[in-house]
Amino acid sequence: GEGAARRRVRFGYVLAFANVALDAAGSLLTKAYGGAPLVSWDINLVRFGGAAGMMLTAWLLGQGAALVLRRLGYAWRPPWAPRGGALAATDALEEEHKQVELAVSYA
């Protein structure tokens, strides 16, 4: 539905921002530590390898947080994931009801 689409778009913006931030961090590291002994391949390895390492670290932290939350009994799901489980049918019915109300109000 509309809510799931908005969550995906918001999450896409978060990922785009993270991409730019990690690339900028890699560029700053390259400017700070790059020099005569490093060639272009070395610099690219530092930039993109550093960004990949940071993203892997963030992913691992997220997976760990999700595991802890699940073990504590919280019904956690990623913000981009569609609603599911026992409430999936209820969510679908609520969405359908909203669409019917909109159609009736415009008629």
C-alpha atoms as a PDB file:
ATOM      1  CA  GLY A   1       0.000   0.000   0.000  1.00  0.00           C
ATOM      2  CA  GLU A   2       0.806   3.641   0.247  1.00  0.00           C
ATOM      3  CA  GLY A   3       2.499   3.328   3.653  1.00  0.00           C
ATOM      4  CA  ALA A   4       4.835   0.573   2.476  1.00  0.00           C
ATOM      5  CA  ALA A   5       5.809   2.609  -0.587  1.00  0.00           C
ATOM      6  CA  ARG A   6       6.597   5.643   1.560  1.00  0.00           C
ATOM      7  CA  ARG A   7       8.687   3.518   3.940  1.00  0.00           C
ATOM      8  CA  ARG A   8      10.674   2.165   1.007  1.00  0.00           C
ATOM      9  CA  VAL A   9      11.272   5.649  -0.391  1.00  0.00           C
ATOM     10  CA  ARG A  10      12.355   6.954   3.029  1.00  0.00           C
ATOM     11  CA  PHE A  11      14.697   4.005   3.467  1.00  0.00           C
ATOM     12  CA  GLY A  12      16.090   4.642  -0.031  1.00  0.00           C
ATOM     13  CA  TYR A  13      16.923   8.217   0.967  1.00  0.00           C
ATOM     14  CA  VAL A  14      18.642   6.937   4.115  1.00  0.00           C
ATOM     15  CA  LEU A  15      20.744   4.543   2.031  1.00  0.00           C
ATOM     16  CA  ALA A  16      21.594   7.288  -0.488  1.00  0.00           C
ATOM     17  CA  PHE A  17      22.721   9.563   2.341  1.00  0.00           C
ATOM     18  CA  ALA A  18      24.802   6.747   3.839  1.00  0.00           C
ATOM     19  CA  ASN A  19      26.402   6.150   0.439  1.00  0.00           C
ATOM     20  CA  VAL A  20      27.412   9.801   0.085  1.00  0.00           C
ATOM     21  CA  ALA A  21      28.631   9.995   3.696  1.00  0.00           C
ATOM     22  CA  LEU A  22      30.764   6.869   3.383  1.00  0.00           C
ATOM     23  CA  ASP A  23      32.211   8.029   0.053  1.00  0.00           C
ATOM     24  CA  ALA A  24      33.060  11.409   1.581  1.00  0.00           C
ATOM     25  CA  ALA A  25      34.706   9.661   4.546  1.00  0.00           C
ATOM     26  CA  GLY A  26      36.771   7.583   2.134  1.00  0.00           C
ATOM     27  CA  SER A  27      37.768  10.704   0.239  1.00  0.00           C
ATOM     28  CA  LEU A  28      38.849  12.427   3.458  1.00  0.00           C
ATOM     29  CA  LEU A  29      40.922   9.406   4.471  1.00  0.00           C
ATOM     30  CA  THR A  30      42.546   9.380   1.051  1.00  0.00           C
ATOM     31  CA  LYS A  31      43.410  13.071   1.246  1.00  0.00           C
ATOM     32  CA  ALA A  32      44.764  12.690   4.780  1.00  0.00           C
ATOM     33  CA  TYR A  33      46.850   9.559   4.225  1.00  0.00           C
ATOM     34  CA  GLY A  34      47.330   9.389   0.457  1.00  0.00           C
ATOM     35  CA  GLY A  35      50.658  10.364  -0.936  1.00  0.00           C
ATOM     36  CA  ALA A  36      53.585   9.434  -3.110  1.00  0.00           C
ATOM     37  CA  PRO A  37      53.827   5.722  -2.248  1.00  0.00           C
ATOM     38  CA  LEU A  38      50.146   5.135  -3.083  1.00  0.00           C
ATOM     39  CA  VAL A  39      48.979   4.644  -6.645  1.00  0.00           C
ATOM     40  CA  SER A  40      45.409   5.007  -7.928  1.00  0.00           C
ATOM     41  CA  TRP A  41      44.582   1.348  -7.200  1.00  0.00           C
ATOM     42  CA  ASP A  42      45.736   1.704  -3.603  1.00  0.00           C
ATOM     43  CA  ILE A  43      43.660   4.833  -3.099  1.00  0.00           C
ATOM     44  CA  ASN A  44      40.560   3.175  -4.572  1.00  0.00           C
ATOM     45  CA  LEU A  45      41.086   0.175  -2.317  1.00  0.00           C
ATOM     46  CA  VAL A  46      41.229   2.476   0.715  1.00  0.00           C
ATOM     47  CA  ARG A  47      38.134   4.443  -0.340  1.00  0.00           C
ATOM     48  CA  PHE A  48      35.861   1.633  -1.432  1.00  0.00           C
ATOM     49  CA  GLY A  49      37.271  -0.970   0.913  1.00  0.00           C
ATOM     50  CA  GLY A  50      36.791   1.428   3.819  1.00  0.00           C
ATOM     51  CA  ALA A  51      33.205   2.148   2.769  1.00  0.00           C
ATOM     52  CA  ALA A  52      32.495  -1.570   2.430  1.00  0.00           C
ATOM     53  CA  GLY A  53      33.995  -2.224   5.858  1.00  0.00           C
ATOM     54  CA  MET A  54      31.871   0.521   7.424  1.00  0.00           C
ATOM     55  CA  MET A  55      28.720  -0.800   5.763  1.00  0.00           C
ATOM     56  CA  LEU A  56      29.508  -4.333   6.919  1.00  0.00           C
ATOM     57  CA  THR A  57      30.006  -3.053  10.458  1.00  0.00           C
ATOM     58  CA  ALA A  58      26.670  -1.186  10.353  1.00  0.00           C
ATOM     59  CA  TRP A  59      24.911  -4.285   9.014  1.00  0.00           C
ATOM     60  CA  LEU A  60      26.405  -6.497  11.712  1.00  0.00           C
ATOM     61  CA  LEU A  61      25.373  -4.024  14.408  1.00  0.00           C
ATOM     62  CA  GLY A  62      21.847  -3.946  12.975  1.00  0.00           C
ATOM     63  CA  GLN A  63      21.642  -7.732  12.901  1.00  0.00           C
ATOM     64  CA  GLY A  64      22.870  -7.893  16.487  1.00  0.00           C
ATOM     65  CA  ALA A  65      20.322  -5.300  17.608  1.00  0.00           C
ATOM     66  CA  ALA A  66      17.531  -7.201  15.846  1.00  0.00           C
ATOM     67  CA  LEU A  67      18.589 -10.431  17.538  1.00  0.00           C
ATOM     68  CA  VAL A  68      18.632  -8.798  20.961  1.00  0.00           C
ATOM     69  CA  LEU A  69      15.222  -7.183  20.390  1.00  0.00           C
ATOM     70  CA  ARG A  70      13.702 -10.481  19.240  1.00  0.00           C
ATOM     71  CA  ARG A  71      15.090 -12.292  22.281  1.00  0.00           C
ATOM     72  CA  LEU A  72      13.629  -9.602  24.526  1.00  0.00           C
ATOM     73  CA  GLY A  73      10.235 -10.257  22.968  1.00  0.00           C
ATOM     74  CA  TYR A  74       9.874  -7.214  20.728  1.00  0.00           C
ATOM     75  CA  ALA A  75       8.162  -7.817  17.400  1.00  0.00           C
ATOM     76  CA  TRP A  76      10.851  -6.043  15.380  1.00  0.00           C
ATOM     77  CA  ARG A  77      10.961  -5.815  11.603  1.00  0.00           C
ATOM     78  CA  PRO A  78      13.009  -3.623   9.274  1.00  0.00           C
ATOM     79  CA  PRO A  79      11.345  -0.310   8.347  1.00  0.00           C
ATOM     80  CA  TRP A  80      11.174  -1.273   4.662  1.00  0.00           C
ATOM     81  CA  ALA A  81       9.571  -4.673   5.271  1.00  0.00           C
ATOM     82  CA  PRO A  82       5.875  -5.080   4.547  1.00  0.00           C
ATOM     83  CA  ARG A  83       3.675  -5.778   7.506  1.00  0.00           C
ATOM     84  CA  GLY A  84       3.231  -9.483   7.990  1.00  0.00           C
ATOM     85  CA  GLY A  85       2.409 -12.202  10.431  1.00  0.00           C
ATOM     86  CA  ALA A  86      -0.895 -12.330  12.251  1.00  0.00           C
ATOM     87  CA  LEU A  87      -1.759  -8.724  11.361  1.00  0.00           C
ATOM     88  CA  ALA A  88      -1.252  -9.072   7.599  1.00  0.00           C
ATOM     89  CA  ALA A  89      -4.922  -9.799   6.883  1.00  0.00           C
ATOM     90  CA  THR A  90      -6.056  -6.958   9.154  1.00  0.00           C
ATOM     91  CA  ASP A  91      -3.647  -4.507   7.483  1.00  0.00           C
ATOM     92  CA  ALA A  92      -4.898  -5.511   4.037  1.00  0.00           C
ATOM     93  CA  LEU A  93      -8.521  -5.071   5.109  1.00  0.00           C
ATOM     94  CA  GLU A  94      -7.806  -1.650   6.625  1.00  0.00           C
ATOM     95  CA  GLU A  95      -6.067  -0.529   3.440  1.00  0.00           C
ATOM     96  CA  GLU A  96      -8.959  -1.779   1.296  1.00  0.00           C
ATOM     97  CA  HIS A  97     -11.440  -0.008   3.606  1.00  0.00           C
ATOM     98  CA  LYS A  98      -9.523   3.295   3.215  1.00  0.00           C
ATOM     99  CA  GLN A  99      -9.579   2.960  -0.563  1.00  0.00           C
ATOM    100  CA  VAL A 100     -13.324   2.283  -0.559  1.00  0.00           C
ATOM    101  CA  GLU A 101     -13.907   5.320   1.680  1.00  0.00           C
ATOM    102  CA  LEU A 102     -11.901   7.496  -0.723  1.00  0.00           C
ATOM    103  CA  ALA A 103     -13.830   6.201  -3.716  1.00  0.00           C
ATOM    104  CA  VAL A 104     -17.158   6.855  -1.999  1.00  0.00           C
ATOM    105  CA  SER A 105     -16.142  10.343  -0.854  1.00  0.00           C
ATOM    106  CA  TYR A 106     -15.200  11.331  -4.440  1.00  0.00           C
ATOM    107  CA  ALA A 107     -18.386   9.866  -5.952  1.00  0.00           C
END
